Amino acid sequence: MNRGEIWTLRDEGYSRKARPVVIVQANPGELFDSVILCLFTTFESSHIPTRVYISSNETNGLKRDSFVMTEKLITIDKKELGEKKGVLTSDQMRQISRQLAKLLEIRKEDTEA
């Protein structure tokens, strides 16, 4: 389980069917029982600045072109994840990271020692 991987999640709070999510937490490994994710939507969202467009392909395992909803951060128990579907590219994860930093107002100077 690594950052950038796409998994399925079934959560009654968001959907009655399994839906794709992307892991945004730095490689949670065995240290934590939980994992931080962003949800996907197929709703055309190019007008929403917090959304990152992801084209479906064999590598990411998405069935339809989708948008990562960086404003929909959730933390779940790892046991709630279904199956791994694929992985995003480094460039796509950089786009997601930039949107998360804007959304959370994380500035580079705030992260430097």
PDB file of N, CA and C in Angstrom:
ATOM      1  N   MET A   1       0.856  -1.173   0.000  1.00  0.00           N
ATOM      2  CA  MET A   1       0.000   0.000   0.000  1.00  0.00           C
ATOM      3  C   MET A   1       0.904   1.238   0.000  1.00  0.00           C
ATOM      4  N   ASN A   2       0.818   2.012  -1.093  1.00  0.00           N
ATOM      5  CA  ASN A   2       1.707   3.162  -1.258  1.00  0.00           C
ATOM      6  C   ASN A   2       0.968   4.388  -1.773  1.00  0.00           C
ATOM      7  N   ARG A   3       1.561   5.527  -1.524  1.00  0.00           N
ATOM      8  CA  ARG A   3       1.033   6.792  -2.028  1.00  0.00           C
ATOM      9  C   ARG A   3       0.920   6.710  -3.546  1.00  0.00           C
ATOM     10  N   GLY A   4      -0.214   7.171  -4.069  1.00  0.00           N
ATOM     11  CA  GLY A   4      -0.423   7.170  -5.507  1.00  0.00           C
ATOM     12  C   GLY A   4      -1.174   5.960  -6.028  1.00  0.00           C
ATOM     13  N   GLU A   5      -1.357   4.948  -5.185  1.00  0.00           N
ATOM     14  CA  GLU A   5      -2.100   3.772  -5.613  1.00  0.00           C
ATOM     15  C   GLU A   5      -3.600   4.038  -5.574  1.00  0.00           C
ATOM     16  N   ILE A   6      -4.299   3.453  -6.521  1.00  0.00           N
ATOM     17  CA  ILE A   6      -5.754   3.542  -6.581  1.00  0.00           C
ATOM     18  C   ILE A   6      -6.328   2.230  -6.082  1.00  0.00           C
ATOM     19  N   TRP A   7      -7.232   2.341  -5.115  1.00  0.00           N
ATOM     20  CA  TRP A   7      -7.900   1.191  -4.516  1.00  0.00           C
ATOM     21  C   TRP A   7      -9.400   1.420  -4.605  1.00  0.00           C
ATOM     22  N   THR A   8     -10.158   0.375  -4.322  1.00  0.00           N
ATOM     23  CA  THR A   8     -11.603   0.550  -4.211  1.00  0.00           C
ATOM     24  C   THR A   8     -11.969   0.701  -2.740  1.00  0.00           C
ATOM     25  N   LEU A   9     -13.050   1.427  -2.521  1.00  0.00           N
ATOM     26  CA  LEU A   9     -13.585   1.665  -1.181  1.00  0.00           C
ATOM     27  C   LEU A   9     -15.089   1.557  -1.249  1.00  0.00           C
ATOM     28  N   ARG A  10     -15.661   0.855  -0.312  1.00  0.00           N
ATOM     29  CA  ARG A  10     -17.119   0.835  -0.194  1.00  0.00           C
ATOM     30  C   ARG A  10     -17.447   1.487   1.127  1.00  0.00           C
ATOM     31  N   ASP A  11     -18.068   2.637   1.038  1.00  0.00           N
ATOM     32  CA  ASP A  11     -18.376   3.411   2.229  1.00  0.00           C
ATOM     33  C   ASP A  11     -19.780   3.947   2.104  1.00  0.00           C
ATOM     34  N   GLU A  12     -20.672   3.532   2.968  1.00  0.00           N
ATOM     35  CA  GLU A  12     -22.067   3.961   2.911  1.00  0.00           C
ATOM     36  C   GLU A  12     -22.217   5.477   2.985  1.00  0.00           C
ATOM     37  N   GLY A  13     -21.231   6.164   3.546  1.00  0.00           N
ATOM     38  CA  GLY A  13     -21.314   7.612   3.642  1.00  0.00           C
ATOM     39  C   GLY A  13     -21.170   8.313   2.307  1.00  0.00           C
ATOM     40  N   TYR A  14     -20.557   7.657   1.318  1.00  0.00           N
ATOM     41  CA  TYR A  14     -20.324   8.295   0.032  1.00  0.00           C
ATOM     42  C   TYR A  14     -20.985   7.576  -1.133  1.00  0.00           C
ATOM     43  N   SER A  15     -21.104   6.271  -1.040  1.00  0.00           N
ATOM     44  CA  SER A  15     -21.613   5.527  -2.186  1.00  0.00           C
ATOM     45  C   SER A  15     -22.033   4.133  -1.752  1.00  0.00           C
ATOM     46  N   ARG A  16     -23.016   3.597  -2.441  1.00  0.00           N
ATOM     47  CA  ARG A  16     -23.464   2.234  -2.138  1.00  0.00           C
ATOM     48  C   ARG A  16     -22.647   1.195  -2.895  1.00  0.00           C
ATOM     49  N   LYS A  17     -21.878   1.631  -3.847  1.00  0.00           N
ATOM     50  CA  LYS A  17     -21.051   0.688  -4.602  1.00  0.00           C
ATOM     51  C   LYS A  17     -19.574   1.032  -4.384  1.00  0.00           C
ATOM     52  N   ALA A  18     -18.727   0.080  -4.686  1.00  0.00           N
ATOM     53  CA  ALA A  18     -17.287   0.316  -4.562  1.00  0.00           C
ATOM     54  C   ALA A  18     -16.891   1.470  -5.477  1.00  0.00           C
ATOM     55  N   ARG A  19     -16.082   2.372  -4.955  1.00  0.00           N
ATOM     56  CA  ARG A  19     -15.634   3.497  -5.773  1.00  0.00           C
ATOM     57  C   ARG A  19     -14.129   3.648  -5.628  1.00  0.00           C
ATOM     58  N   PRO A  20     -13.476   4.211  -6.642  1.00  0.00           N
ATOM     59  CA  PRO A  20     -12.024   4.348  -6.565  1.00  0.00           C
ATOM     60  C   PRO A  20     -11.614   5.506  -5.647  1.00  0.00           C
ATOM     61  N   VAL A  21     -10.486   5.292  -4.978  1.00  0.00           N
ATOM     62  CA  VAL A  21      -9.860   6.307  -4.137  1.00  0.00           C
ATOM     63  C   VAL A  21      -8.364   6.254  -4.400  1.00  0.00           C
ATOM     64  N   VAL A  22      -7.678   7.342  -4.123  1.00  0.00           N
ATOM     65  CA  VAL A  22      -6.223   7.352  -4.270  1.00  0.00           C
ATOM     66  C   VAL A  22      -5.597   7.629  -2.904  1.00  0.00           C
ATOM     67  N   ILE A  23      -4.556   6.880  -2.592  1.00  0.00           N
ATOM     68  CA  ILE A  23      -3.832   7.079  -1.334  1.00  0.00           C
ATOM     69  C   ILE A  23      -2.975   8.328  -1.477  1.00  0.00           C
ATOM     70  N   VAL A  24      -3.152   9.293  -0.570  1.00  0.00           N
ATOM     71  CA  VAL A  24      -2.351  10.518  -0.599  1.00  0.00           C
ATOM     72  C   VAL A  24      -1.399  10.606   0.589  1.00  0.00           C
ATOM     73  N   GLN A  25      -1.554   9.722   1.542  1.00  0.00           N
ATOM     74  CA  GLN A  25      -0.670   9.683   2.705  1.00  0.00           C
ATOM     75  C   GLN A  25       0.682   9.115   2.290  1.00  0.00           C
ATOM     76  N   ALA A  26       1.749   9.682   2.844  1.00  0.00           N
ATOM     77  CA  ALA A  26       3.079   9.135   2.581  1.00  0.00           C
ATOM     78  C   ALA A  26       3.118   7.707   3.095  1.00  0.00           C
ATOM     79  N   ASN A  27       3.440   6.801   2.245  1.00  0.00           N
ATOM     80  CA  ASN A  27       3.461   5.361   2.454  1.00  0.00           C
ATOM     81  C   ASN A  27       3.178   4.923   3.891  1.00  0.00           C
ATOM     82  N   PRO A  28       1.905   4.606   4.163  1.00  0.00           N
ATOM     83  CA  PRO A  28       1.475   4.301   5.525  1.00  0.00           C
ATOM     84  C   PRO A  28       2.076   3.024   6.116  1.00  0.00           C
ATOM     85  N   GLY A  29       2.467   2.102   5.268  1.00  0.00           N
ATOM     86  CA  GLY A  29       3.101   0.874   5.740  1.00  0.00           C
ATOM     87  C   GLY A  29       2.377   0.246   6.917  1.00  0.00           C
ATOM     88  N   GLU A  30       3.144  -0.287   7.835  1.00  0.00           N
ATOM     89  CA  GLU A  30       2.581  -0.969   8.995  1.00  0.00           C
ATOM     90  C   GLU A  30       2.460  -0.045  10.203  1.00  0.00           C
ATOM     91  N   LEU A  31       2.939   1.176  10.093  1.00  0.00           N
ATOM     92  CA  LEU A  31       2.959   2.093  11.234  1.00  0.00           C
ATOM     93  C   LEU A  31       1.560   2.500  11.698  1.00  0.00           C
ATOM     94  N   PHE A  32       0.627   2.637  10.750  1.00  0.00           N
ATOM     95  CA  PHE A  32      -0.718   3.091  11.068  1.00  0.00           C
ATOM     96  C   PHE A  32      -1.762   2.069  10.629  1.00  0.00           C
ATOM     97  N   ASP A  33      -2.882   2.017  11.353  1.00  0.00           N
ATOM     98  CA  ASP A  33      -4.013   1.183  10.945  1.00  0.00           C
ATOM     99  C   ASP A  33      -4.898   1.908   9.946  1.00  0.00           C
ATOM    100  N   SER A  34      -4.728   3.221   9.864  1.00  0.00           N
ATOM    101  CA  SER A  34      -5.559   4.031   8.979  1.00  0.00           C
ATOM    102  C   SER A  34      -4.735   4.566   7.814  1.00  0.00           C
ATOM    103  N   VAL A  35      -5.456   5.097   6.829  1.00  0.00           N
ATOM    104  CA  VAL A  35      -4.813   5.658   5.646  1.00  0.00           C
ATOM    105  C   VAL A  35      -5.630   6.856   5.177  1.00  0.00           C
ATOM    106  N   ILE A  36      -4.947   7.882   4.656  1.00  0.00           N
ATOM    107  CA  ILE A  36      -5.600   9.096   4.168  1.00  0.00           C
ATOM    108  C   ILE A  36      -5.741   9.001   2.652  1.00  0.00           C
ATOM    109  N   LEU A  37      -6.968   9.268   2.170  1.00  0.00           N
ATOM    110  CA  LEU A  37      -7.315   9.107   0.759  1.00  0.00           C
ATOM    111  C   LEU A  37      -8.006  10.339   0.212  1.00  0.00           C
ATOM    112  N   CYS A  38      -8.078  10.411  -1.099  1.00  0.00           N
ATOM    113  CA  CYS A  38      -8.965  11.351  -1.798  1.00  0.00           C
ATOM    114  C   CYS A  38      -9.904  10.514  -2.663  1.00  0.00           C
ATOM    115  N   LEU A  39     -11.122  10.973  -2.758  1.00  0.00           N
ATOM    116  CA  LEU A  39     -12.131  10.300  -3.559  1.00  0.00           C
ATOM    117  C   LEU A  39     -12.050  10.738  -5.020  1.00  0.00           C
ATOM    118  N   PHE A  40     -12.535   9.884  -5.913  1.00  0.00           N
ATOM    119  CA  PHE A  40     -12.683  10.197  -7.331  1.00  0.00           C
ATOM    120  C   PHE A  40     -14.151  10.473  -7.636  1.00  0.00           C
ATOM    121  N   THR A  41     -14.373  11.232  -8.702  1.00  0.00           N
ATOM    122  CA  THR A  41     -15.712  11.399  -9.255  1.00  0.00           C
ATOM    123  C   THR A  41     -15.605  11.386 -10.771  1.00  0.00           C
ATOM    124  N   THR A  42     -16.667  10.923 -11.434  1.00  0.00           N
ATOM    125  CA  THR A  42     -16.715  11.004 -12.895  1.00  0.00           C
ATOM    126  C   THR A  42     -17.508  12.230 -13.332  1.00  0.00           C
ATOM    127  N   PHE A  43     -18.063  12.970 -12.367  1.00  0.00           N
ATOM    128  CA  PHE A  43     -18.788  14.205 -12.660  1.00  0.00           C
ATOM    129  C   PHE A  43     -17.831  15.202 -13.294  1.00  0.00           C
ATOM    130  N   GLU A  44     -18.194  15.791 -14.417  1.00  0.00           N
ATOM    131  CA  GLU A  44     -17.343  16.753 -15.119  1.00  0.00           C
ATOM    132  C   GLU A  44     -17.076  17.930 -14.172  1.00  0.00           C
ATOM    133  N   SER A  45     -15.815  18.065 -13.761  1.00  0.00           N
ATOM    134  CA  SER A  45     -15.458  19.015 -12.710  1.00  0.00           C
ATOM    135  C   SER A  45     -14.336  19.963 -13.095  1.00  0.00           C
ATOM    136  N   SER A  46     -14.089  20.142 -14.371  1.00  0.00           N
ATOM    137  CA  SER A  46     -12.950  20.978 -14.784  1.00  0.00           C
ATOM    138  C   SER A  46     -13.075  22.420 -14.307  1.00  0.00           C
ATOM    139  N   HIS A  47     -14.272  22.856 -13.955  1.00  0.00           N
ATOM    140  CA  HIS A  47     -14.488  24.221 -13.469  1.00  0.00           C
ATOM    141  C   HIS A  47     -14.222  24.367 -11.968  1.00  0.00           C
ATOM    142  N   ILE A  48     -13.954  23.265 -11.285  1.00  0.00           N
ATOM    143  CA  ILE A  48     -13.697  23.297  -9.840  1.00  0.00           C
ATOM    144  C   ILE A  48     -12.184  23.245  -9.624  1.00  0.00           C
ATOM    145  N   PRO A  49     -11.586  24.295  -9.062  1.00  0.00           N
ATOM    146  CA  PRO A  49     -10.123  24.394  -9.002  1.00  0.00           C
ATOM    147  C   PRO A  49      -9.434  23.356  -8.130  1.00  0.00           C
ATOM    148  N   THR A  50     -10.144  22.703  -7.228  1.00  0.00           N
ATOM    149  CA  THR A  50      -9.519  21.706  -6.358  1.00  0.00           C
ATOM    150  C   THR A  50      -9.469  20.319  -6.989  1.00  0.00           C
ATOM    151  N   ARG A  51     -10.037  20.156  -8.158  1.00  0.00           N
ATOM    152  CA  ARG A  51     -10.124  18.849  -8.816  1.00  0.00           C
ATOM    153  C   ARG A  51      -8.952  18.640  -9.779  1.00  0.00           C
ATOM    154  N   VAL A  52      -8.485  17.406  -9.855  1.00  0.00           N
ATOM    155  CA  VAL A  52      -7.387  17.036 -10.762  1.00  0.00           C
ATOM    156  C   VAL A  52      -7.919  15.983 -11.732  1.00  0.00           C
ATOM    157  N   TYR A  53      -7.849  16.306 -13.008  1.00  0.00           N
ATOM    158  CA  TYR A  53      -8.348  15.403 -14.060  1.00  0.00           C
ATOM    159  C   TYR A  53      -7.405  14.220 -14.241  1.00  0.00           C
ATOM    160  N   ILE A  54      -7.988  13.022 -14.319  1.00  0.00           N
ATOM    161  CA  ILE A  54      -7.218  11.803 -14.557  1.00  0.00           C
ATOM    162  C   ILE A  54      -7.895  11.031 -15.694  1.00  0.00           C
ATOM    163  N   SER A  55      -7.153  10.834 -16.766  1.00  0.00           N
ATOM    164  CA  SER A  55      -7.647  10.067 -17.904  1.00  0.00           C
ATOM    165  C   SER A  55      -7.540   8.577 -17.581  1.00  0.00           C
ATOM    166  N   SER A  56      -8.583   7.823 -17.894  1.00  0.00           N
ATOM    167  CA  SER A  56      -8.567   6.387 -17.602  1.00  0.00           C
ATOM    168  C   SER A  56      -7.594   5.667 -18.533  1.00  0.00           C
ATOM    169  N   ASN A  57      -6.903   4.668 -17.978  1.00  0.00           N
ATOM    170  CA  ASN A  57      -6.012   3.828 -18.777  1.00  0.00           C
ATOM    171  C   ASN A  57      -5.714   2.538 -18.019  1.00  0.00           C
ATOM    172  N   GLU A  58      -4.961   1.652 -18.647  1.00  0.00           N
ATOM    173  CA  GLU A  58      -4.661   0.358 -18.022  1.00  0.00           C
ATOM    174  C   GLU A  58      -3.811   0.502 -16.768  1.00  0.00           C
ATOM    175  N   THR A  59      -2.929   1.487 -16.733  1.00  0.00           N
ATOM    176  CA  THR A  59      -2.027   1.655 -15.591  1.00  0.00           C
ATOM    177  C   THR A  59      -2.772   2.068 -14.334  1.00  0.00           C
ATOM    178  N   ASN A  60      -3.740   2.985 -14.480  1.00  0.00           N
ATOM    179  CA  ASN A  60      -4.452   3.428 -13.277  1.00  0.00           C
ATOM    180  C   ASN A  60      -5.698   2.594 -12.988  1.00  0.00           C
ATOM    181  N   GLY A  61      -6.151   1.802 -13.941  1.00  0.00           N
ATOM    182  CA  GLY A  61      -7.263   0.895 -13.707  1.00  0.00           C
ATOM    183  C   GLY A  61      -8.636   1.552 -13.642  1.00  0.00           C
ATOM    184  N   LEU A  62      -8.707   2.850 -13.939  1.00  0.00           N
ATOM    185  CA  LEU A  62     -10.005   3.530 -13.930  1.00  0.00           C
ATOM    186  C   LEU A  62     -10.804   3.127 -15.157  1.00  0.00           C
ATOM    187  N   LYS A  63     -12.098   2.956 -15.000  1.00  0.00           N
ATOM    188  CA  LYS A  63     -12.962   2.580 -16.112  1.00  0.00           C
ATOM    189  C   LYS A  63     -13.406   3.778 -16.931  1.00  0.00           C
ATOM    190  N   ARG A  64     -13.428   4.958 -16.296  1.00  0.00           N
ATOM    191  CA  ARG A  64     -13.859   6.191 -16.969  1.00  0.00           C
ATOM    192  C   ARG A  64     -12.925   7.326 -16.582  1.00  0.00           C
ATOM    193  N   ASP A  65     -12.813   8.321 -17.462  1.00  0.00           N
ATOM    194  CA  ASP A  65     -12.067   9.517 -17.108  1.00  0.00           C
ATOM    195  C   ASP A  65     -12.696  10.086 -15.840  1.00  0.00           C
ATOM    196  N   SER A  66     -11.854  10.575 -14.936  1.00  0.00           N
ATOM    197  CA  SER A  66     -12.330  10.966 -13.616  1.00  0.00           C
ATOM    198  C   SER A  66     -11.582  12.193 -13.105  1.00  0.00           C
ATOM    199  N   PHE A  67     -12.043  12.679 -11.975  1.00  0.00           N
ATOM    200  CA  PHE A  67     -11.395  13.790 -11.281  1.00  0.00           C
ATOM    201  C   PHE A  67     -11.116  13.370  -9.844  1.00  0.00           C
ATOM    202  N   VAL A  68      -9.901  13.658  -9.364  1.00  0.00           N
ATOM    203  CA  VAL A  68      -9.595  13.477  -7.948  1.00  0.00           C
ATOM    204  C   VAL A  68     -10.139  14.691  -7.224  1.00  0.00           C
ATOM    205  N   MET A  69     -10.939  14.450  -6.197  1.00  0.00           N
ATOM    206  CA  MET A  69     -11.526  15.530  -5.407  1.00  0.00           C
ATOM    207  C   MET A  69     -10.608  15.783  -4.211  1.00  0.00           C
ATOM    208  N   THR A  70      -9.635  16.689  -4.378  1.00  0.00           N
ATOM    209  CA  THR A  70      -8.691  16.922  -3.292  1.00  0.00           C
ATOM    210  C   THR A  70      -9.376  17.537  -2.069  1.00  0.00           C
ATOM    211  N   GLU A  71     -10.542  18.117  -2.266  1.00  0.00           N
ATOM    212  CA  GLU A  71     -11.288  18.673  -1.134  1.00  0.00           C
ATOM    213  C   GLU A  71     -12.048  17.586  -0.368  1.00  0.00           C
ATOM    214  N   LYS A  72     -12.008  16.363  -0.858  1.00  0.00           N
ATOM    215  CA  LYS A  72     -12.682  15.232  -0.212  1.00  0.00           C
ATOM    216  C   LYS A  72     -11.634  14.290   0.386  1.00  0.00           C
ATOM    217  N   LEU A  73     -10.900  14.789   1.355  1.00  0.00           N
ATOM    218  CA  LEU A  73      -9.929  13.979   2.083  1.00  0.00           C
ATOM    219  C   LEU A  73     -10.666  13.152   3.119  1.00  0.00           C
ATOM    220  N   ILE A  74     -10.363  11.872   3.157  1.00  0.00           N
ATOM    221  CA  ILE A  74     -10.963  11.028   4.190  1.00  0.00           C
ATOM    222  C   ILE A  74      -9.884  10.140   4.792  1.00  0.00           C
ATOM    223  N   THR A  75     -10.090   9.770   6.032  1.00  0.00           N
ATOM    224  CA  THR A  75      -9.213   8.823   6.705  1.00  0.00           C
ATOM    225  C   THR A  75     -10.047   7.608   7.062  1.00  0.00           C
ATOM    226  N   ILE A  76      -9.569   6.450   6.669  1.00  0.00           N
ATOM    227  CA  ILE A  76     -10.309   5.214   6.933  1.00  0.00           C
ATOM    228  C   ILE A  76      -9.371   4.163   7.521  1.00  0.00           C
ATOM    229  N   ASP A  77      -9.948   3.139   8.093  1.00  0.00           N
ATOM    230  CA  ASP A  77      -9.185   1.973   8.497  1.00  0.00           C
ATOM    231  C   ASP A  77      -8.792   1.240   7.223  1.00  0.00           C
ATOM    232  N   LYS A  78      -7.575   0.780   7.150  1.00  0.00           N
ATOM    233  CA  LYS A  78      -7.093   0.088   5.953  1.00  0.00           C
ATOM    234  C   LYS A  78      -7.974  -1.107   5.577  1.00  0.00           C
ATOM    235  N   LYS A  79      -8.637  -1.687   6.561  1.00  0.00           N
ATOM    236  CA  LYS A  79      -9.491  -2.853   6.312  1.00  0.00           C
ATOM    237  C   LYS A  79     -10.671  -2.511   5.411  1.00  0.00           C
ATOM    238  N   GLU A  80     -11.007  -1.219   5.288  1.00  0.00           N
ATOM    239  CA  GLU A  80     -12.136  -0.802   4.464  1.00  0.00           C
ATOM    240  C   GLU A  80     -11.789  -0.725   2.973  1.00  0.00           C
ATOM    241  N   LEU A  81     -10.505  -0.886   2.663  1.00  0.00           N
ATOM    242  CA  LEU A  81     -10.094  -0.883   1.257  1.00  0.00           C
ATOM    243  C   LEU A  81     -10.419  -2.228   0.634  1.00  0.00           C
ATOM    244  N   GLY A  82     -10.813  -2.179  -0.635  1.00  0.00           N
ATOM    245  CA  GLY A  82     -11.117  -3.397  -1.367  1.00  0.00           C
ATOM    246  C   GLY A  82      -9.893  -3.928  -2.073  1.00  0.00           C
ATOM    247  N   GLU A  83      -9.844  -3.676  -3.381  1.00  0.00           N
ATOM    248  CA  GLU A  83      -8.731  -4.188  -4.173  1.00  0.00           C
ATOM    249  C   GLU A  83      -7.964  -3.052  -4.840  1.00  0.00           C
ATOM    250  N   LYS A  84      -6.687  -3.298  -5.054  1.00  0.00           N
ATOM    251  CA  LYS A  84      -5.846  -2.333  -5.756  1.00  0.00           C
ATOM    252  C   LYS A  84      -6.216  -2.380  -7.229  1.00  0.00           C
ATOM    253  N   LYS A  85      -6.479  -1.184  -7.817  1.00  0.00           N
ATOM    254  CA  LYS A  85      -6.868  -1.091  -9.222  1.00  0.00           C
ATOM    255  C   LYS A  85      -5.726  -0.630 -10.114  1.00  0.00           C
ATOM    256  N   GLY A  86      -4.825   0.205  -9.564  1.00  0.00           N
ATOM    257  CA  GLY A  86      -3.750   0.748 -10.388  1.00  0.00           C
ATOM    258  C   GLY A  86      -2.952   1.780  -9.627  1.00  0.00           C
ATOM    259  N   VAL A  87      -2.259   2.607 -10.381  1.00  0.00           N
ATOM    260  CA  VAL A  87      -1.398   3.620  -9.766  1.00  0.00           C
ATOM    261  C   VAL A  87      -1.367   4.856 -10.665  1.00  0.00           C
ATOM    262  N   LEU A  88      -1.227   6.023 -10.044  1.00  0.00           N
ATOM    263  CA  LEU A  88      -1.102   7.276 -10.789  1.00  0.00           C
ATOM    264  C   LEU A  88       0.366   7.552 -11.094  1.00  0.00           C
ATOM    265  N   THR A  89       0.606   8.410 -12.064  1.00  0.00           N
ATOM    266  CA  THR A  89       1.976   8.781 -12.417  1.00  0.00           C
ATOM    267  C   THR A  89       2.523   9.792 -11.411  1.00  0.00           C
ATOM    268  N   SER A  90       3.826   9.969 -11.428  1.00  0.00           N
ATOM    269  CA  SER A  90       4.467  10.963 -10.550  1.00  0.00           C
ATOM    270  C   SER A  90       3.938  12.361 -10.849  1.00  0.00           C
ATOM    271  N   ASP A  91       3.736  12.675 -12.132  1.00  0.00           N
ATOM    272  CA  ASP A  91       3.217  13.991 -12.510  1.00  0.00           C
ATOM    273  C   ASP A  91       1.799  14.203 -11.963  1.00  0.00           C
ATOM    274  N   GLN A  92       0.964  13.193 -12.062  1.00  0.00           N
ATOM    275  CA  GLN A  92      -0.400  13.304 -11.532  1.00  0.00           C
ATOM    276  C   GLN A  92      -0.377  13.497 -10.019  1.00  0.00           C
ATOM    277  N   MET A  93       0.512  12.798  -9.329  1.00  0.00           N
ATOM    278  CA  MET A  93       0.607  12.958  -7.878  1.00  0.00           C
ATOM    279  C   MET A  93       1.143  14.347  -7.509  1.00  0.00           C
ATOM    280  N   ARG A  94       2.030  14.911  -8.329  1.00  0.00           N
ATOM    281  CA  ARG A  94       2.489  16.288  -8.084  1.00  0.00           C
ATOM    282  C   ARG A  94       1.329  17.262  -8.213  1.00  0.00           C
ATOM    283  N   GLN A  95       0.478  17.059  -9.221  1.00  0.00           N
ATOM    284  CA  GLN A  95      -0.700  17.923  -9.382  1.00  0.00           C
ATOM    285  C   GLN A  95      -1.616  17.823  -8.160  1.00  0.00           C
ATOM    286  N   ILE A  96      -1.834  16.611  -7.685  1.00  0.00           N
ATOM    287  CA  ILE A  96      -2.662  16.405  -6.496  1.00  0.00           C
ATOM    288  C   ILE A  96      -2.016  17.064  -5.283  1.00  0.00           C
ATOM    289  N   SER A  97      -0.711  16.893  -5.126  1.00  0.00           N
ATOM    290  CA  SER A  97       0.003  17.504  -3.997  1.00  0.00           C
ATOM    291  C   SER A  97      -0.115  19.021  -4.023  1.00  0.00           C
ATOM    292  N   ARG A  98       0.003  19.614  -5.208  1.00  0.00           N
ATOM    293  CA  ARG A  98      -0.139  21.078  -5.326  1.00  0.00           C
ATOM    294  C   ARG A  98      -1.531  21.520  -4.902  1.00  0.00           C
ATOM    295  N   GLN A  99      -2.553  20.787  -5.335  1.00  0.00           N
ATOM    296  CA  GLN A  99      -3.922  21.155  -4.960  1.00  0.00           C
ATOM    297  C   GLN A  99      -4.157  20.982  -3.461  1.00  0.00           C
ATOM    298  N   LEU A 100      -3.612  19.915  -2.883  1.00  0.00           N
ATOM    299  CA  LEU A 100      -3.739  19.714  -1.436  1.00  0.00           C
ATOM    300  C   LEU A 100      -3.034  20.829  -0.669  1.00  0.00           C
ATOM    301  N   ALA A 101      -1.858  21.224  -1.133  1.00  0.00           N
ATOM    302  CA  ALA A 101      -1.114  22.303  -0.467  1.00  0.00           C
ATOM    303  C   ALA A 101      -1.899  23.617  -0.508  1.00  0.00           C
ATOM    304  N   LYS A 102      -2.518  23.912  -1.659  1.00  0.00           N
ATOM    305  CA  LYS A 102      -3.352  25.122  -1.766  1.00  0.00           C
ATOM    306  C   LYS A 102      -4.554  25.034  -0.838  1.00  0.00           C
ATOM    307  N   LEU A 103      -5.221  23.907  -0.886  1.00  0.00           N
ATOM    308  CA  LEU A 103      -6.433  23.702  -0.099  1.00  0.00           C
ATOM    309  C   LEU A 103      -6.158  23.837   1.400  1.00  0.00           C
ATOM    310  N   LEU A 104      -5.034  23.282   1.842  1.00  0.00           N
ATOM    311  CA  LEU A 104      -4.694  23.293   3.260  1.00  0.00           C
ATOM    312  C   LEU A 104      -3.793  24.471   3.652  1.00  0.00           C
ATOM    313  N   GLU A 105      -3.496  25.337   2.678  1.00  0.00           N
ATOM    314  CA  GLU A 105      -2.619  26.487   2.868  1.00  0.00           C
ATOM    315  C   GLU A 105      -1.272  26.085   3.457  1.00  0.00           C
ATOM    316  N   ILE A 106      -0.685  25.043   2.867  1.00  0.00           N
ATOM    317  CA  ILE A 106       0.634  24.598   3.271  1.00  0.00           C
ATOM    318  C   ILE A 106       1.652  25.284   2.354  1.00  0.00           C
ATOM    319  N   ARG A 107       2.478  26.105   2.960  1.00  0.00           N
ATOM    320  CA  ARG A 107       3.496  26.819   2.200  1.00  0.00           C
ATOM    321  C   ARG A 107       4.835  26.128   2.381  1.00  0.00           C
ATOM    322  N   LYS A 108       5.674  26.199   1.364  1.00  0.00           N
ATOM    323  CA  LYS A 108       6.990  25.551   1.415  1.00  0.00           C
ATOM    324  C   LYS A 108       7.769  26.016   2.623  1.00  0.00           C
ATOM    325  N   GLU A 109       7.752  27.307   2.904  1.00  0.00           N
ATOM    326  CA  GLU A 109       8.536  27.830   4.033  1.00  0.00           C
ATOM    327  C   GLU A 109       8.034  27.301   5.377  1.00  0.00           C
ATOM    328  N   ASP A 110       6.774  26.872   5.428  1.00  0.00           N
ATOM    329  CA  ASP A 110       6.234  26.304   6.670  1.00  0.00           C
ATOM    330  C   ASP A 110       6.712  24.872   6.912  1.00  0.00           C
ATOM    331  N   THR A 111       7.226  24.232   5.870  1.00  0.00           N
ATOM    332  CA  THR A 111       7.650  22.841   6.007  1.00  0.00           C
ATOM    333  C   THR A 111       9.158  22.705   6.155  1.00  0.00           C
ATOM    334  N   GLU A 112       9.886  23.794   6.019  1.00  0.00           N
ATOM    335  CA  GLU A 112      11.345  23.729   6.125  1.00  0.00           C
ATOM    336  C   GLU A 112      11.765  23.912   7.574  1.00  0.00           C
ATOM    337  N   ALA A 113      12.806  23.195   7.948  1.00  0.00           N
ATOM    338  CA  ALA A 113      13.296  23.274   9.344  1.00  0.00           C
ATOM    339  C   ALA A 113      14.063  24.538   9.598  1.00  0.00           C
TER     340      ALA A 113
END
